[in-house]
Protein backbone atom coordinates (compact mmCIF):
# COMPACT_ATOMS: atom_id res chain seq x y z
CA MET A 1 -3.71 17.03 21.13
CA ARG A 2 -2.83 15.91 17.59
CA PRO A 3 -1.24 12.52 16.93
CA VAL A 4 2.32 12.65 15.61
CA VAL A 5 2.49 11.58 12.05
CA PRO A 6 5.93 10.25 11.07
CA GLN A 7 7.48 11.99 8.13
CA PRO A 8 8.62 9.72 5.25
CA GLN A 9 12.37 9.23 5.11
CA PRO A 10 14.15 10.40 1.96
CA THR A 11 15.12 6.74 1.26
CA ASP A 12 11.43 5.70 1.20
CA ARG A 13 10.30 8.69 -0.83
CA PHE A 14 13.03 8.29 -3.48
CA ALA A 15 12.49 4.53 -3.76
CA GLU A 16 8.81 5.19 -4.54
CA LEU A 17 9.66 8.05 -7.01
CA LEU A 18 12.23 5.86 -8.89
CA LEU A 19 9.87 2.88 -8.98
CA ALA A 20 7.11 5.05 -10.45
CA VAL A 21 9.42 6.24 -13.24
CA LEU A 22 11.02 2.85 -13.98
CA SER A 23 7.68 1.14 -14.11
CA GLY A 24 6.20 3.73 -16.51
CA GLN A 25 3.70 5.15 -13.98
CA ARG A 26 5.35 8.62 -14.11
CA PRO A 27 7.39 10.32 -16.86
CA VAL A 28 11.14 10.46 -16.37
CA HIS A 29 11.14 14.25 -16.35
CA ALA A 30 9.31 14.05 -13.01
CA MET A 31 12.75 13.29 -11.49
CA LEU A 32 14.53 16.27 -13.10
CA ARG A 33 14.54 18.44 -10.00
CA HIS A 34 15.26 15.45 -7.77
CA THR A 35 18.51 14.40 -9.46
CA ALA A 36 22.03 15.77 -9.70
CA GLY A 37 25.01 15.00 -11.89
CA ARG A 38 24.79 12.09 -14.30
CA ALA A 39 21.90 10.45 -12.44
CA TYR A 40 19.26 12.01 -14.67
CA ASP A 41 20.93 10.85 -17.89
CA ASP A 42 21.35 7.34 -16.40
CA LEU A 43 17.67 7.35 -15.38
CA VAL A 44 16.62 8.43 -18.89
CA ARG A 45 18.53 5.46 -20.37
CA LEU A 46 17.04 3.05 -17.80
CA ALA A 47 13.48 4.37 -18.17
CA GLU A 48 13.52 3.99 -21.95
CA ARG A 49 13.35 0.27 -21.44
CA VAL A 50 10.67 0.56 -18.71
CA PRO A 51 12.46 -2.25 -16.81
CA LEU A 52 10.02 -2.52 -13.89
CA ARG A 53 6.83 -2.56 -15.95
CA THR A 54 4.94 -5.79 -15.31
CA ARG A 55 1.82 -7.54 -16.54
CA GLY A 56 -0.59 -8.23 -13.75
CA ALA A 57 0.72 -7.34 -10.33
CA ARG A 58 1.84 -3.75 -9.86
CA PRO A 59 5.46 -3.50 -8.63
CA VAL A 60 5.95 -2.40 -5.08
CA VAL A 61 8.92 -1.62 -2.80
CA ARG A 62 9.14 -4.64 -0.51
CA ASP A 63 12.19 -3.73 1.53
CA ILE A 64 14.73 -0.94 1.85
CA GLY A 65 18.13 -0.86 3.43
CA TRP A 66 20.74 1.92 3.54
CA PHE A 67 24.26 2.83 4.50
CA GLU A 68 25.55 6.28 5.35
CA PRO A 69 29.15 6.50 4.11
CA ARG A 70 29.41 10.11 5.31
CA GLU A 71 27.13 12.82 6.63
CA GLY A 72 24.91 14.11 3.82
CA ALA A 73 25.18 10.94 1.68
CA ILE A 74 23.07 7.78 1.78
CA GLU A 75 23.54 4.62 -0.33
CA VAL A 76 20.24 2.77 -0.60
CA PHE A 77 19.13 -0.63 -1.84
CA ALA A 78 15.58 -1.70 -2.35
CA ARG A 79 13.90 -4.98 -3.26
CA ILE A 80 11.13 -4.45 -5.76
CA GLY A 81 8.51 -7.15 -6.03
CA ALA A 82 5.85 -7.81 -8.58
CA GLY A 83 3.99 -11.03 -8.04
CA ASP A 84 6.65 -13.71 -7.42
CA ARG A 85 9.45 -11.75 -9.14
CA LEU A 86 12.07 -9.70 -7.36
CA ARG A 87 14.37 -6.99 -8.73
CA ALA A 88 17.13 -5.08 -6.97
CA MET A 89 17.39 -1.29 -7.19
CA ALA A 90 20.26 0.73 -5.77
CA PHE A 91 20.61 4.51 -5.60
CA ARG A 92 22.64 7.16 -3.90
CA LEU A 93 21.21 10.26 -2.28
CA GLU A 94 23.24 13.40 -1.47
CA GLN A 95 22.10 16.36 0.50
CA GLY A 96 22.78 19.74 -1.13
CA ARG A 97 23.66 23.06 0.51
CA ASP A 98 19.89 23.83 0.36
CA LEU A 99 19.35 20.71 2.55
CA ARG A 100 17.37 19.00 -0.24
CA TRP A 101 18.14 15.39 -1.03
CA ARG A 102 18.88 14.54 -4.67
CA CYS A 103 19.54 11.24 -6.32
CA THR A 104 23.11 11.12 -7.77
CA ALA A 105 23.21 7.51 -8.97
CA VAL A 106 20.75 4.72 -9.80
CA GLU A 107 21.23 1.08 -10.86
CA LEU A 108 18.99 -1.97 -11.33
CA GLY A 109 19.76 -5.65 -10.85
CA GLY A 110 18.38 -8.31 -13.18
CA PRO A 111 15.13 -10.22 -12.75
CA ARG A 112 15.04 -13.23 -10.42
CA ALA A 113 12.33 -15.65 -9.44
CA GLY A 114 10.95 -14.94 -5.94
CA ILE A 115 11.63 -17.15 -2.99
CA ARG A 116 8.67 -19.26 -1.94
């Protein structure tokens, strides 16, 4: 009998993909097939500044929360940590007719010192 391996949720998967692009670990075009509408253009503008790149500690997703305003749409927030610094990332996922999830919006909050 094989152990059941939980499948990653789209919220977790997209948080990691967006973090990789916004920290400069992956090129922005890696998100091309995972976005819809203006999200790709917004992501290109955000990624130009590499806002989540850090010196020292590699940024990680520390926490994720989400809200489902309707079936087939998820609004997600994630806390991104690097050392003692926290950033906020928000994005929206929508499920297409092909049942694939795509990012339709992405935003970042400003840097803040971490809570000790």
